[in-house]
Amino acid sequence: MTLTREELQRLALPLVIAIALIATGVGIVLSAGEGLRAAQARLAVAQSERRQNGERLARIAEEEREVSQKLDVYKQLKSLNILGEERRLEWADTINRIRVQRELLDVRYRVERQKLLTSVAGKPANVDFFASTMRVEMQLLHEEDLLRFLADLRASGNAYYSVKKCVITRTGQAAGGATMAPRLTAQCDIDLITLVDRAAKG
């Protein structure tokens, strides 16, 4: 089919418009594709930042939980008065008070030199556990006196009292009579344990 010059002139304008529209459409599609890729890139960055922030918050929450647990342990140790240096005067006062309150017949003791039990690694410094062995000799009317003495010692809270051994022997004296004579003798080795936080001390 052959078009005349007049027909070609009439078709020129619509053809130019069609080509312009096609070019515009292609430009819009390309622009939309670039916009989509840019949006996807921004989304990926935002998701990465959100993940990193989530991990950071999780670490902070875990650190807060650990600090809270350690603080609870510290408060418990503080309440037991076993942190820091030995309290030998308090130990002596405690034993004398128990002897008087329990009306014990005779209590003799000596506390040996402090020894390092163990050193536990910590941050920022080690925690050292010390023990001073207290050797106690008691005259008893019956076994219950010893059990009450040990319970009172633990309740005093001046150290952590760890009983290593107790040996009870009979004195051979018979019960009764005008005076209350001891029927038993107890000899005990008790570790008085304290701990020192080197970081807090420094």
N, C-alpha and C. Protein backbone atom coordinates (compact mmCIF):
# COMPACT_ATOMS: atom_id res chain seq x y z
N MET A 1 0.87 -1.18 0.00
CA MET A 1 0.00 0.00 0.00
C MET A 1 0.91 1.23 0.00
N THR A 2 0.63 2.12 -0.92
CA THR A 2 1.44 3.32 -1.06
C THR A 2 0.65 4.51 -0.55
N LEU A 3 1.34 5.30 0.34
CA LEU A 3 0.69 6.49 0.90
C LEU A 3 1.10 7.70 0.09
N THR A 4 0.14 8.56 -0.08
CA THR A 4 0.42 9.79 -0.82
C THR A 4 1.12 10.77 0.13
N ARG A 5 1.73 11.81 -0.48
CA ARG A 5 2.43 12.81 0.30
C ARG A 5 1.49 13.49 1.27
N GLU A 6 0.30 13.71 0.85
CA GLU A 6 -0.70 14.39 1.71
C GLU A 6 -1.03 13.52 2.92
N GLU A 7 -1.15 12.20 2.66
CA GLU A 7 -1.48 11.28 3.76
C GLU A 7 -0.29 11.19 4.74
N LEU A 8 0.91 11.22 4.17
CA LEU A 8 2.09 11.18 5.03
C LEU A 8 2.19 12.43 5.90
N GLN A 9 1.83 13.56 5.35
CA GLN A 9 1.86 14.79 6.12
C GLN A 9 0.84 14.75 7.26
N ARG A 10 -0.31 14.13 6.96
CA ARG A 10 -1.33 14.03 8.02
C ARG A 10 -0.90 13.05 9.13
N LEU A 11 -0.14 12.04 8.77
CA LEU A 11 0.29 11.03 9.75
C LEU A 11 1.54 11.47 10.53
N ALA A 12 2.24 12.46 10.03
CA ALA A 12 3.50 12.87 10.66
C ALA A 12 3.30 13.31 12.11
N LEU A 13 2.30 14.16 12.33
CA LEU A 13 2.07 14.68 13.70
C LEU A 13 1.70 13.57 14.68
N PRO A 14 0.70 12.70 14.30
CA PRO A 14 0.39 11.59 15.22
C PRO A 14 1.58 10.68 15.45
N LEU A 15 2.42 10.48 14.44
CA LEU A 15 3.59 9.62 14.59
C LEU A 15 4.59 10.23 15.56
N VAL A 16 4.81 11.54 15.42
CA VAL A 16 5.71 12.24 16.34
C VAL A 16 5.19 12.15 17.77
N ILE A 17 3.86 12.34 17.91
CA ILE A 17 3.24 12.27 19.25
C ILE A 17 3.39 10.87 19.82
N ALA A 18 3.20 9.83 18.96
CA ALA A 18 3.31 8.45 19.42
C ALA A 18 4.71 8.13 19.88
N ILE A 19 5.70 8.61 19.08
CA ILE A 19 7.10 8.37 19.45
C ILE A 19 7.42 9.07 20.78
N ALA A 20 6.91 10.31 20.93
CA ALA A 20 7.14 11.06 22.17
C ALA A 20 6.51 10.35 23.36
N LEU A 21 5.31 9.82 23.15
CA LEU A 21 4.64 9.10 24.24
C LEU A 21 5.40 7.83 24.61
N ILE A 22 5.88 7.12 23.58
CA ILE A 22 6.65 5.89 23.85
C ILE A 22 7.91 6.22 24.64
N ALA A 23 8.62 7.28 24.19
CA ALA A 23 9.84 7.69 24.89
C ALA A 23 9.55 8.08 26.33
N THR A 24 8.43 8.83 26.49
CA THR A 24 8.05 9.24 27.85
C THR A 24 7.75 8.01 28.70
N GLY A 25 7.02 7.04 28.12
CA GLY A 25 6.69 5.81 28.87
C GLY A 25 7.93 5.04 29.27
N VAL A 26 8.89 4.92 28.31
CA VAL A 26 10.14 4.22 28.62
C VAL A 26 10.87 4.94 29.75
N GLY A 27 10.90 6.30 29.68
CA GLY A 27 11.56 7.08 30.73
C GLY A 27 10.91 6.86 32.09
N ILE A 28 9.57 6.82 32.09
CA ILE A 28 8.84 6.60 33.35
C ILE A 28 9.15 5.23 33.92
N VAL A 29 9.18 4.21 33.04
CA VAL A 29 9.48 2.85 33.50
C VAL A 29 10.88 2.76 34.08
N LEU A 30 11.85 3.36 33.34
CA LEU A 30 13.23 3.35 33.84
C LEU A 30 13.35 4.09 35.17
N SER A 31 12.68 5.24 35.25
CA SER A 31 12.72 6.03 36.49
C SER A 31 12.10 5.26 37.65
N ALA A 32 10.97 4.59 37.33
CA ALA A 32 10.31 3.80 38.38
C ALA A 32 11.21 2.66 38.84
N GLY A 33 11.93 2.03 37.90
CA GLY A 33 12.84 0.94 38.27
C GLY A 33 13.96 1.42 39.17
N GLU A 34 14.54 2.58 38.83
CA GLU A 34 15.60 3.14 39.67
C GLU A 34 15.06 3.53 41.05
N GLY A 35 13.86 4.09 41.07
CA GLY A 35 13.25 4.46 42.35
C GLY A 35 13.00 3.23 43.21
N LEU A 36 12.57 2.12 42.55
CA LEU A 36 12.34 0.88 43.29
C LEU A 36 13.64 0.35 43.86
N ARG A 37 14.70 0.36 43.04
CA ARG A 37 15.99 -0.12 43.53
C ARG A 37 16.51 0.73 44.68
N ALA A 38 16.33 2.07 44.56
CA ALA A 38 16.76 2.96 45.63
C ALA A 38 15.97 2.69 46.91
N ALA A 39 14.66 2.47 46.74
CA ALA A 39 13.82 2.18 47.91
C ALA A 39 14.21 0.86 48.55
N GLN A 40 14.53 -0.15 47.71
CA GLN A 40 14.96 -1.44 48.25
C GLN A 40 16.29 -1.30 48.99
N ALA A 41 17.18 -0.49 48.43
CA ALA A 41 18.47 -0.27 49.10
C ALA A 41 18.26 0.41 50.45
N ARG A 42 17.39 1.43 50.47
CA ARG A 42 17.10 2.12 51.74
C ARG A 42 16.46 1.16 52.74
N LEU A 43 15.58 0.30 52.26
CA LEU A 43 14.93 -0.69 53.13
C LEU A 43 15.97 -1.65 53.72
N ALA A 44 16.91 -2.10 52.86
CA ALA A 44 17.95 -3.01 53.35
C ALA A 44 18.80 -2.34 54.42
N VAL A 45 19.16 -1.06 54.20
CA VAL A 45 19.94 -0.32 55.19
C VAL A 45 19.16 -0.18 56.49
N ALA A 46 17.87 0.16 56.37
CA ALA A 46 17.03 0.33 57.56
C ALA A 46 16.89 -0.99 58.32
N GLN A 47 16.72 -2.10 57.59
CA GLN A 47 16.61 -3.40 58.25
C GLN A 47 17.91 -3.78 58.95
N SER A 48 19.06 -3.47 58.30
CA SER A 48 20.36 -3.76 58.91
C SER A 48 20.55 -2.94 60.18
N GLU A 49 20.19 -1.65 60.10
CA GLU A 49 20.31 -0.79 61.28
C GLU A 49 19.39 -1.28 62.40
N ARG A 50 18.19 -1.69 62.01
CA ARG A 50 17.24 -2.20 63.02
C ARG A 50 17.77 -3.46 63.66
N ARG A 51 18.36 -4.36 62.88
CA ARG A 51 18.93 -5.59 63.42
C ARG A 51 20.08 -5.28 64.37
N GLN A 52 20.96 -4.35 63.94
CA GLN A 52 22.09 -3.97 64.80
C GLN A 52 21.61 -3.34 66.09
N ASN A 53 20.59 -2.47 66.00
CA ASN A 53 20.03 -1.85 67.21
C ASN A 53 19.41 -2.89 68.12
N GLY A 54 18.73 -3.89 67.50
CA GLY A 54 18.14 -4.96 68.30
C GLY A 54 19.20 -5.76 69.03
N GLU A 55 20.31 -6.07 68.30
CA GLU A 55 21.41 -6.81 68.94
C GLU A 55 22.05 -5.98 70.05
N ARG A 56 22.18 -4.67 69.82
CA ARG A 56 22.76 -3.78 70.83
C ARG A 56 21.87 -3.75 72.08
N LEU A 57 20.57 -3.63 71.86
CA LEU A 57 19.63 -3.61 73.00
C LEU A 57 19.66 -4.93 73.76
N ALA A 58 19.77 -6.06 73.00
CA ALA A 58 19.84 -7.37 73.65
C ALA A 58 21.10 -7.48 74.51
N ARG A 59 22.24 -6.96 73.99
CA ARG A 59 23.48 -6.98 74.78
C ARG A 59 23.36 -6.13 76.03
N ILE A 60 22.75 -4.95 75.86
CA ILE A 60 22.58 -4.05 77.02
C ILE A 60 21.68 -4.71 78.06
N ALA A 61 20.59 -5.35 77.60
CA ALA A 61 19.68 -6.02 78.53
C ALA A 61 20.39 -7.16 79.26
N GLU A 62 21.24 -7.91 78.55
CA GLU A 62 21.98 -9.01 79.16
C GLU A 62 22.99 -8.48 80.18
N GLU A 63 23.67 -7.39 79.82
CA GLU A 63 24.62 -6.79 80.76
C GLU A 63 23.92 -6.26 82.00
N GLU A 64 22.75 -5.65 81.81
CA GLU A 64 21.98 -5.17 82.96
C GLU A 64 21.55 -6.31 83.85
N ARG A 65 21.16 -7.44 83.23
CA ARG A 65 20.75 -8.62 84.01
C ARG A 65 21.94 -9.16 84.81
N GLU A 66 23.12 -9.23 84.17
CA GLU A 66 24.31 -9.72 84.87
C GLU A 66 24.69 -8.79 86.02
N VAL A 67 24.63 -7.48 85.76
CA VAL A 67 24.96 -6.51 86.82
C VAL A 67 23.98 -6.64 87.98
N SER A 68 22.69 -6.83 87.65
CA SER A 68 21.67 -6.97 88.70
C SER A 68 21.92 -8.22 89.53
N GLN A 69 22.28 -9.33 88.86
CA GLN A 69 22.57 -10.57 89.60
C GLN A 69 23.79 -10.39 90.50
N LYS A 70 24.84 -9.77 89.95
CA LYS A 70 26.05 -9.57 90.75
C LYS A 70 25.79 -8.62 91.91
N LEU A 71 24.93 -7.62 91.68
CA LEU A 71 24.60 -6.69 92.75
C LEU A 71 23.84 -7.40 93.86
N ASP A 72 22.94 -8.31 93.49
CA ASP A 72 22.20 -9.09 94.50
C ASP A 72 23.16 -9.94 95.33
N VAL A 73 24.12 -10.59 94.65
CA VAL A 73 25.11 -11.41 95.37
C VAL A 73 25.93 -10.52 96.29
N TYR A 74 26.35 -9.37 95.79
CA TYR A 74 27.16 -8.44 96.60
C TYR A 74 26.38 -8.00 97.84
N LYS A 75 25.09 -7.68 97.66
CA LYS A 75 24.28 -7.25 98.80
C LYS A 75 24.16 -8.36 99.84
N GLN A 76 24.01 -9.61 99.36
CA GLN A 76 23.91 -10.73 100.29
C GLN A 76 25.21 -10.91 101.06
N LEU A 77 26.34 -10.82 100.34
CA LEU A 77 27.63 -10.94 101.01
C LEU A 77 27.86 -9.79 101.99
N LYS A 78 27.43 -8.60 101.57
CA LYS A 78 27.57 -7.42 102.43
C LYS A 78 26.75 -7.59 103.71
N SER A 79 25.53 -8.14 103.56
CA SER A 79 24.68 -8.33 104.73
C SER A 79 25.26 -9.37 105.70
N LEU A 80 26.06 -10.30 105.18
CA LEU A 80 26.70 -11.31 106.02
C LEU A 80 28.00 -10.82 106.66
N ASN A 81 28.41 -9.60 106.28
CA ASN A 81 29.64 -9.01 106.83
C ASN A 81 30.88 -9.86 106.58
N ILE A 82 30.94 -10.48 105.40
CA ILE A 82 32.12 -11.28 105.10
C ILE A 82 33.01 -10.63 104.05
N LEU A 83 32.63 -9.42 103.63
CA LEU A 83 33.46 -8.69 102.67
C LEU A 83 34.50 -7.86 103.42
N GLY A 84 35.70 -7.84 102.89
CA GLY A 84 36.72 -6.97 103.48
C GLY A 84 37.61 -7.70 104.45
N GLU A 85 38.20 -6.92 105.34
CA GLU A 85 39.19 -7.46 106.28
C GLU A 85 38.50 -8.27 107.39
N GLU A 86 39.34 -9.03 108.09
CA GLU A 86 38.83 -9.82 109.23
C GLU A 86 38.26 -8.91 110.32
N ARG A 87 37.33 -9.48 111.08
CA ARG A 87 36.73 -8.74 112.20
C ARG A 87 36.98 -9.52 113.49
N ARG A 88 38.23 -9.58 113.88
CA ARG A 88 38.61 -10.42 115.03
C ARG A 88 37.98 -9.93 116.33
N LEU A 89 37.86 -8.63 116.50
CA LEU A 89 37.24 -8.11 117.72
C LEU A 89 35.77 -8.53 117.78
N GLU A 90 35.09 -8.44 116.62
CA GLU A 90 33.69 -8.87 116.58
C GLU A 90 33.57 -10.36 116.86
N TRP A 91 34.53 -11.18 116.36
CA TRP A 91 34.50 -12.61 116.62
C TRP A 91 34.61 -12.88 118.12
N ALA A 92 35.54 -12.18 118.77
CA ALA A 92 35.72 -12.37 120.21
C ALA A 92 34.47 -11.95 120.98
N ASP A 93 33.89 -10.80 120.61
CA ASP A 93 32.67 -10.34 121.27
C ASP A 93 31.54 -11.33 121.09
N THR A 94 31.45 -11.89 119.86
CA THR A 94 30.37 -12.84 119.58
C THR A 94 30.50 -14.09 120.45
N ILE A 95 31.71 -14.63 120.56
CA ILE A 95 31.90 -15.85 121.36
C ILE A 95 31.59 -15.58 122.83
N ASN A 96 32.04 -14.43 123.35
CA ASN A 96 31.75 -14.11 124.75
C ASN A 96 30.26 -13.93 124.98
N ARG A 97 29.57 -13.28 124.01
CA ARG A 97 28.13 -13.08 124.14
C ARG A 97 27.40 -14.42 124.14
N ILE A 98 27.78 -15.33 123.23
CA ILE A 98 27.14 -16.64 123.18
C ILE A 98 27.38 -17.41 124.47
N ARG A 99 28.62 -17.34 124.98
CA ARG A 99 28.95 -18.06 126.22
C ARG A 99 28.07 -17.60 127.37
N VAL A 100 27.90 -16.27 127.46
CA VAL A 100 27.07 -15.72 128.55
C VAL A 100 25.60 -16.07 128.35
N GLN A 101 25.08 -15.84 127.14
CA GLN A 101 23.66 -16.07 126.88
C GLN A 101 23.28 -17.54 127.03
N ARG A 102 24.16 -18.42 126.57
CA ARG A 102 23.86 -19.86 126.64
C ARG A 102 24.30 -20.49 127.97
N GLU A 103 24.92 -19.67 128.82
CA GLU A 103 25.39 -20.14 130.12
C GLU A 103 26.29 -21.36 129.98
N LEU A 104 27.23 -21.25 129.03
CA LEU A 104 28.17 -22.34 128.82
C LEU A 104 29.22 -22.35 129.94
N LEU A 105 29.64 -23.53 130.31
CA LEU A 105 30.52 -23.65 131.46
C LEU A 105 31.91 -23.10 131.17
N ASP A 106 32.47 -23.46 130.03
CA ASP A 106 33.83 -23.01 129.72
C ASP A 106 34.02 -23.05 128.20
N VAL A 107 34.49 -21.95 127.65
CA VAL A 107 34.78 -21.87 126.22
C VAL A 107 36.15 -21.24 126.05
N ARG A 108 37.05 -21.95 125.44
CA ARG A 108 38.38 -21.41 125.15
C ARG A 108 38.63 -21.53 123.64
N TYR A 109 39.32 -20.54 123.11
CA TYR A 109 39.54 -20.55 121.67
C TYR A 109 40.80 -19.77 121.33
N ARG A 110 41.31 -20.07 120.15
CA ARG A 110 42.38 -19.25 119.58
C ARG A 110 42.19 -19.24 118.06
N VAL A 111 42.52 -18.11 117.48
CA VAL A 111 42.37 -17.95 116.03
C VAL A 111 43.75 -17.91 115.40
N GLU A 112 43.98 -18.80 114.45
CA GLU A 112 45.28 -18.86 113.80
C GLU A 112 45.41 -17.77 112.74
N ARG A 113 46.60 -17.66 112.20
CA ARG A 113 46.86 -16.64 111.17
C ARG A 113 46.00 -16.89 109.94
N GLN A 114 45.65 -15.80 109.30
CA GLN A 114 44.82 -15.88 108.10
C GLN A 114 45.62 -16.49 106.94
N LYS A 115 44.95 -17.35 106.17
CA LYS A 115 45.57 -17.98 105.01
C LYS A 115 44.69 -17.77 103.78
N LEU A 116 45.33 -17.66 102.63
CA LEU A 116 44.60 -17.53 101.37
C LEU A 116 44.09 -18.91 100.96
N LEU A 117 42.77 -19.02 100.80
CA LEU A 117 42.19 -20.28 100.35
C LEU A 117 42.27 -20.42 98.84
N THR A 118 41.74 -19.42 98.15
CA THR A 118 41.73 -19.44 96.69
C THR A 118 41.55 -18.02 96.17
N SER A 119 41.92 -17.85 94.92
CA SER A 119 41.74 -16.57 94.25
C SER A 119 40.95 -16.82 92.98
N VAL A 120 39.82 -16.13 92.86
CA VAL A 120 38.93 -16.35 91.71
C VAL A 120 39.08 -15.18 90.75
N ALA A 121 39.29 -15.52 89.49
CA ALA A 121 39.46 -14.47 88.47
C ALA A 121 38.17 -13.68 88.33
N GLY A 122 38.30 -12.37 88.21
CA GLY A 122 37.14 -11.50 88.04
C GLY A 122 37.52 -10.26 87.26
N LYS A 123 36.55 -9.43 87.01
CA LYS A 123 36.78 -8.17 86.29
C LYS A 123 36.38 -7.02 87.21
N PRO A 124 37.25 -6.03 87.37
CA PRO A 124 38.58 -5.87 86.75
C PRO A 124 39.71 -6.50 87.54
N ALA A 125 39.41 -7.12 88.69
CA ALA A 125 40.48 -7.72 89.49
C ALA A 125 39.96 -9.00 90.15
N ASN A 126 40.90 -9.76 90.73
CA ASN A 126 40.54 -11.03 91.35
C ASN A 126 39.80 -10.83 92.68
N VAL A 127 39.06 -11.87 93.06
CA VAL A 127 38.43 -11.92 94.38
C VAL A 127 39.15 -13.01 95.17
N ASP A 128 39.69 -12.64 96.34
CA ASP A 128 40.47 -13.57 97.16
C ASP A 128 39.64 -14.05 98.34
N PHE A 129 39.66 -15.37 98.56
CA PHE A 129 38.97 -15.98 99.70
C PHE A 129 40.02 -16.35 100.74
N PHE A 130 39.82 -15.84 101.97
CA PHE A 130 40.74 -16.10 103.07
C PHE A 130 40.04 -16.90 104.16
N ALA A 131 40.83 -17.68 104.90
CA ALA A 131 40.29 -18.43 106.04
C ALA A 131 41.23 -18.31 107.22
N SER A 132 40.64 -18.08 108.38
CA SER A 132 41.37 -18.13 109.64
C SER A 132 40.76 -19.25 110.45
N THR A 133 41.56 -20.24 110.78
CA THR A 133 41.04 -21.39 111.52
C THR A 133 40.97 -21.06 113.01
N MET A 134 39.77 -21.23 113.55
CA MET A 134 39.55 -21.01 114.98
C MET A 134 39.44 -22.38 115.66
N ARG A 135 40.28 -22.60 116.65
CA ARG A 135 40.24 -23.85 117.41
C ARG A 135 39.51 -23.56 118.73
N VAL A 136 38.42 -24.26 118.92
CA VAL A 136 37.56 -24.03 120.09
C VAL A 136 37.55 -25.27 120.97
N GLU A 137 37.67 -25.06 122.28
CA GLU A 137 37.52 -26.15 123.23
C GLU A 137 36.43 -25.75 124.22
N MET A 138 35.45 -26.63 124.39
CA MET A 138 34.29 -26.31 125.21
C MET A 138 34.01 -27.45 126.18
N GLN A 139 33.55 -27.05 127.37
CA GLN A 139 33.04 -28.01 128.34
C GLN A 139 31.51 -28.00 128.23
N LEU A 140 30.91 -29.18 128.06
CA LEU A 140 29.47 -29.26 127.77
C LEU A 140 28.76 -30.13 128.80
N LEU A 141 27.50 -29.72 129.05
CA LEU A 141 26.62 -30.59 129.83
C LEU A 141 26.03 -31.67 128.93
N HIS A 142 25.70 -31.28 127.69
CA HIS A 142 25.19 -32.25 126.71
C HIS A 142 25.49 -31.73 125.30
N GLU A 143 25.26 -32.60 124.29
CA GLU A 143 25.63 -32.29 122.91
C GLU A 143 24.90 -31.07 122.37
N GLU A 144 23.70 -30.82 122.85
CA GLU A 144 22.89 -29.71 122.34
C GLU A 144 23.59 -28.36 122.55
N ASP A 145 24.40 -28.27 123.61
CA ASP A 145 25.14 -27.02 123.85
C ASP A 145 26.05 -26.69 122.67
N LEU A 146 26.70 -27.71 122.12
CA LEU A 146 27.60 -27.48 121.00
C LEU A 146 26.82 -27.05 119.75
N LEU A 147 25.71 -27.73 119.48
CA LEU A 147 24.90 -27.40 118.30
C LEU A 147 24.36 -25.97 118.38
N ARG A 148 23.94 -25.57 119.57
CA ARG A 148 23.44 -24.20 119.74
C ARG A 148 24.56 -23.17 119.58
N PHE A 149 25.74 -23.51 120.10
CA PHE A 149 26.88 -22.61 119.96
C PHE A 149 27.21 -22.39 118.48
N LEU A 150 27.27 -23.47 117.70
CA LEU A 150 27.59 -23.36 116.27
C LEU A 150 26.50 -22.59 115.52
N ALA A 151 25.25 -22.84 115.89
CA ALA A 151 24.14 -22.11 115.23
C ALA A 151 24.21 -20.62 115.53
N ASP A 152 24.53 -20.27 116.78
CA ASP A 152 24.66 -18.86 117.15
C ASP A 152 25.82 -18.20 116.42
N LEU A 153 26.91 -18.95 116.26
CA LEU A 153 28.06 -18.42 115.52
C LEU A 153 27.66 -18.06 114.09
N ARG A 154 26.98 -18.99 113.42
CA ARG A 154 26.58 -18.75 112.03
C ARG A 154 25.62 -17.58 111.94
N ALA A 155 24.73 -17.47 112.91
CA ALA A 155 23.73 -16.39 112.88
C ALA A 155 24.33 -15.03 113.17
N SER A 156 25.54 -14.99 113.74
CA SER A 156 26.14 -13.70 114.11
C SER A 156 26.50 -12.87 112.89
N GLY A 157 26.84 -13.52 111.77
CA GLY A 157 27.10 -12.81 110.52
C GLY A 157 28.39 -12.02 110.48
N ASN A 158 29.40 -12.40 111.28
CA ASN A 158 30.68 -11.70 111.25
C ASN A 158 31.68 -12.33 110.29
N ALA A 159 31.31 -13.47 109.75
CA ALA A 159 32.14 -14.18 108.77
C ALA A 159 31.30 -15.35 108.29
N TYR A 160 31.85 -16.10 107.33
CA TYR A 160 31.20 -17.36 106.98
C TYR A 160 31.89 -18.44 107.78
N TYR A 161 31.14 -19.08 108.68
CA TYR A 161 31.70 -20.07 109.58
C TYR A 161 31.56 -21.45 108.96
N SER A 162 32.69 -22.08 108.64
CA SER A 162 32.70 -23.42 108.06
C SER A 162 33.34 -24.39 109.05
N VAL A 163 32.52 -25.29 109.59
CA VAL A 163 33.02 -26.25 110.59
C VAL A 163 33.79 -27.35 109.88
N LYS A 164 35.08 -27.44 110.17
CA LYS A 164 35.91 -28.47 109.55
C LYS A 164 35.75 -29.81 110.27
N LYS A 165 35.81 -29.75 111.60
CA LYS A 165 35.62 -30.98 112.37
C LYS A 165 35.32 -30.63 113.82
N CYS A 166 34.62 -31.53 114.48
CA CYS A 166 34.36 -31.43 115.91
C CYS A 166 34.52 -32.82 116.52
N VAL A 167 35.25 -32.88 117.61
CA VAL A 167 35.44 -34.15 118.32
C VAL A 167 34.90 -33.98 119.73
N ILE A 168 33.98 -34.88 120.10
CA ILE A 168 33.37 -34.83 121.44
C ILE A 168 33.85 -36.06 122.22
N THR A 169 34.33 -35.81 123.44
CA THR A 169 34.75 -36.90 124.31
C THR A 169 34.07 -36.75 125.67
N ARG A 170 33.91 -37.86 126.34
CA ARG A 170 33.30 -37.84 127.67
C ARG A 170 34.36 -37.52 128.72
N THR A 171 33.95 -36.74 129.72
CA THR A 171 34.90 -36.37 130.78
C THR A 171 35.02 -37.45 131.84
N GLY A 172 34.03 -38.32 131.89
CA GLY A 172 34.04 -39.37 132.91
C GLY A 172 33.35 -38.97 134.18
N GLN A 173 32.89 -37.69 134.27
CA GLN A 173 32.21 -37.25 135.48
C GLN A 173 30.73 -37.62 135.37
N ALA A 174 30.17 -38.03 136.45
CA ALA A 174 28.76 -38.42 136.49
C ALA A 174 27.89 -37.19 136.60
N ALA A 175 26.70 -37.28 136.02
CA ALA A 175 25.74 -36.18 136.10
C ALA A 175 25.14 -36.12 137.49
N GLY A 176 24.68 -34.93 137.87
CA GLY A 176 24.02 -34.77 139.16
C GLY A 176 24.95 -34.15 140.18
N GLY A 177 24.52 -34.13 141.42
CA GLY A 177 25.32 -33.52 142.46
C GLY A 177 24.94 -32.08 142.67
N ALA A 178 25.63 -31.44 143.59
CA ALA A 178 25.30 -30.06 143.95
C ALA A 178 25.74 -29.09 142.85
N THR A 179 26.84 -29.39 142.18
CA THR A 179 27.33 -28.50 141.13
C THR A 179 27.12 -29.14 139.77
N MET A 180 27.02 -28.29 138.77
CA MET A 180 26.83 -28.79 137.41
C MET A 180 28.20 -29.05 136.81
N ALA A 181 28.57 -30.31 136.75
CA ALA A 181 29.89 -30.68 136.23
C ALA A 181 29.76 -31.03 134.75
N PRO A 182 30.71 -30.61 133.93
CA PRO A 182 30.66 -30.95 132.51
C PRO A 182 30.83 -32.45 132.29
N ARG A 183 30.00 -33.00 131.44
CA ARG A 183 30.07 -34.42 131.11
C ARG A 183 30.82 -34.67 129.81
N LEU A 184 30.92 -33.59 128.98
CA LEU A 184 31.53 -33.74 127.66
C LEU A 184 32.54 -32.62 127.41
N THR A 185 33.52 -32.94 126.57
CA THR A 185 34.45 -31.93 126.08
C THR A 185 34.41 -31.95 124.56
N ALA A 186 34.28 -30.77 123.96
CA ALA A 186 34.25 -30.67 122.50
C ALA A 186 35.45 -29.87 122.02
N GLN A 187 36.09 -30.37 120.99
CA GLN A 187 37.18 -29.65 120.34
C GLN A 187 36.81 -29.51 118.86
N CYS A 188 36.76 -28.26 118.39
CA CYS A 188 36.33 -28.00 117.02
C CYS A 188 37.34 -27.14 116.28
N ASP A 189 37.48 -27.42 115.00
CA ASP A 189 38.23 -26.55 114.09
C ASP A 189 37.22 -25.90 113.16
N ILE A 190 37.17 -24.58 113.20
CA ILE A 190 36.18 -23.84 112.42
C ILE A 190 36.91 -22.80 111.56
N ASP A 191 36.67 -22.84 110.27
CA ASP A 191 37.24 -21.83 109.37
C ASP A 191 36.34 -20.61 109.34
N LEU A 192 36.92 -19.45 109.62
CA LEU A 192 36.21 -18.18 109.51
C LEU A 192 36.63 -17.57 108.18
N ILE A 193 35.71 -17.57 107.23
CA ILE A 193 36.03 -17.22 105.85
C ILE A 193 35.58 -15.80 105.54
N THR A 194 36.50 -15.04 104.97
CA THR A 194 36.18 -13.70 104.48
C THR A 194 36.68 -13.60 103.04
N LEU A 195 36.18 -12.63 102.31
CA LEU A 195 36.67 -12.45 100.95
C LEU A 195 36.96 -10.98 100.69
N VAL A 196 37.93 -10.76 99.83
CA VAL A 196 38.39 -9.42 99.50
C VAL A 196 38.30 -9.24 98.00
N ASP A 197 37.56 -8.22 97.58
CA ASP A 197 37.47 -7.86 96.16
C ASP A 197 38.61 -6.88 95.88
N ARG A 198 39.61 -7.34 95.15
CA ARG A 198 40.79 -6.51 94.90
C ARG A 198 40.44 -5.23 94.14
N ALA A 199 39.44 -5.30 93.28
CA ALA A 199 39.05 -4.11 92.52
C ALA A 199 38.46 -3.06 93.45
N ALA A 200 37.61 -3.51 94.39
CA ALA A 200 37.00 -2.56 95.33
C ALA A 200 38.03 -2.03 96.29
N LYS A 201 39.01 -2.91 96.66
CA LYS A 201 40.03 -2.48 97.63
C LYS A 201 40.97 -1.46 97.00
N GLY A 202 41.28 -1.67 95.70
CA GLY A 202 42.21 -0.77 95.04
C GLY A 202 41.55 0.56 94.74
